[in-house]
């Protein structure tokens, strides 16, 4: 089950970086939080606008990007 529909881009939001549901949480920032050792539950506790599926979508996006897959176009929020 893909969650990539939660990842959006919009030139007016975070300079067009991929974000979660248009909420101004860049995928890169979320991946950095998770890679620093924070758990999904810790990130959700610190950022109550986020949902568990948002972080799983960020991980899916990162995995595809790291594998060299073309991702796009992403919808606007």
Protein backbone atom coordinates (compact mmCIF):
# COMPACT_ATOMS: atom_id res chain seq x y z
CA UNK A 1 0.00 0.00 0.00
CA UNK A 2 1.65 3.20 -1.15
CA UNK A 3 1.36 6.36 0.89
CA UNK A 4 3.03 8.60 -1.69
CA UNK A 5 -0.18 10.54 -2.22
CA UNK A 6 0.66 12.28 1.08
CA UNK A 7 3.81 13.77 -0.45
CA UNK A 8 3.17 16.97 -2.40
CA UNK A 9 5.10 19.75 -4.06
CA UNK A 10 4.09 23.34 -4.61
CA UNK A 11 6.42 26.12 -5.70
CA UNK A 12 4.80 28.37 -3.07
CA UNK A 13 5.45 25.91 -0.21
CA UNK A 14 9.01 25.37 1.04
CA UNK A 15 10.47 26.46 -2.31
CA UNK A 16 8.94 23.48 -4.08
CA UNK A 17 10.57 20.83 -1.89
CA UNK A 18 8.57 17.64 -1.35
CA UNK A 19 6.48 18.09 1.80
CA UNK A 20 3.87 16.12 3.69
CA UNK A 21 0.28 17.11 2.82
CA UNK A 22 1.29 20.70 2.11
CA UNK A 23 2.01 21.23 5.82
CA UNK A 24 5.46 22.77 5.35
CA UNK A 25 7.20 19.73 6.78
CA UNK A 26 9.82 18.86 4.15
CA UNK A 27 10.40 15.17 3.58
CA UNK A 28 14.13 15.78 4.02
CA UNK A 29 13.62 17.20 7.53
CA UNK A 30 11.47 14.25 8.55
CA UNK A 31 14.03 11.78 7.24
CA UNK A 32 16.76 13.61 9.14
CA UNK A 33 14.75 13.38 12.37
CA UNK A 34 14.20 9.66 11.90
CA UNK A 35 17.83 9.04 10.93
CA UNK A 36 18.99 10.88 14.06
CA UNK A 37 17.33 8.17 16.12
CA UNK A 38 13.92 9.64 16.85
CA UNK A 39 11.11 7.14 16.68
CA UNK A 40 7.96 7.76 14.67
CA UNK A 41 6.05 8.18 17.94
CA UNK A 42 8.55 10.80 19.16
CA UNK A 43 8.28 12.81 15.94
CA UNK A 44 4.48 12.69 16.05
CA UNK A 45 4.56 13.82 19.69
CA UNK A 46 6.81 16.77 18.80
CA UNK A 47 4.82 17.70 15.67
CA UNK A 48 1.12 17.05 16.41
CA UNK A 49 0.05 18.06 12.88
CA UNK A 50 1.77 14.92 11.60
CA UNK A 51 0.38 11.41 11.49
CA UNK A 52 2.18 8.09 11.52
CA UNK A 53 1.30 7.55 7.85
CA UNK A 54 2.97 10.87 6.98
CA UNK A 55 6.28 9.58 8.30
CA UNK A 56 5.83 6.25 6.58
CA UNK A 57 5.19 8.18 3.35
CA UNK A 58 8.42 10.13 3.88
CA UNK A 59 10.32 6.86 4.38
CA UNK A 60 8.76 5.39 1.24
CA UNK A 61 9.68 8.51 -0.74
CA UNK A 62 13.25 8.38 0.58
CA UNK A 63 13.62 4.69 -0.23
CA UNK A 64 12.42 5.20 -3.80
CA UNK A 65 14.64 8.25 -4.30
CA UNK A 66 17.68 6.42 -2.92
CA UNK A 67 17.00 3.54 -5.29
CA UNK A 68 17.20 5.85 -8.27
CA UNK A 69 13.50 5.68 -9.07
CA UNK A 70 11.91 8.64 -10.78
CA UNK A 71 9.25 10.06 -8.49
CA UNK A 72 6.81 12.45 -9.98
CA UNK A 73 4.95 14.39 -10.73
CA UNK A 74 3.76 15.00 -7.21
CA UNK A 75 0.42 16.66 -6.67
CA UNK A 76 -0.08 19.99 -5.01
CA UNK A 77 -1.68 20.05 -1.59
